[in-house]
Amino acid sequence: RLVQTNASGKIDNSLINFQAFDKLFSVRTAASNNITLSAPGTTIGGTTMVAGDRFLAYGQTAGAQNGIYVFNGDAVPATRALDYDESVEVQAGDLVIVEEGTFAERMYVLATNNPIVLGTTALVYSSLGVSLIDAGNGLSYSGTTLNVNLLAGRGLEFIGDDIAVNPSDI
């Protein structure tokens, strides 16, 4: 099995059988939104890019443009990575690990079925693992814990595992 769940039924990174994946790839960052690959700008996925950095584009409007790229400059076209630029190199089940940026420590598996024709077949990458939650306003995220950030004396307080309204603070 590629992935197992823990006792609560959630995917647990420690239970992922990495050896079961045919190929593992590493990228510095990832882009979940459509980017202009012909002139990607200096920042991708919250990371200031340097020539030679690899990134996963998985949110392109044209799904056939998704894949692993190399950043060549802010106004220079990004190119497909040499180890991911031919159809035979891109296979269902490929695992891509993101190192930095907005999607740091996340893993994406290529969920598109074989056969794949690079540049023609829409590539769909699915998130894998427990780090799929982004902390919004009033929340913080540490490891696998999502925290609620309360200001003292503002009407809310923790009582055990519950959040309560304290009328004397209102």
Foldseek 3Di string as FASTA:
>chain_A
DQFDAPPVRHTAPVRGPVVVFPAEAEFAEEAQAAADQQARAQDGQQDRDDFQGKYFYANHPQLLPTAIWTDHHRNHGIHHDPQTRAQVSDAFQYKYAHPDHNQHRWIWGFHDHDDDGRSPDRTHIDIHHQPPDDADPQWDDDDNDIGGHDDPLQQWDDDPPDIHGDVVSD
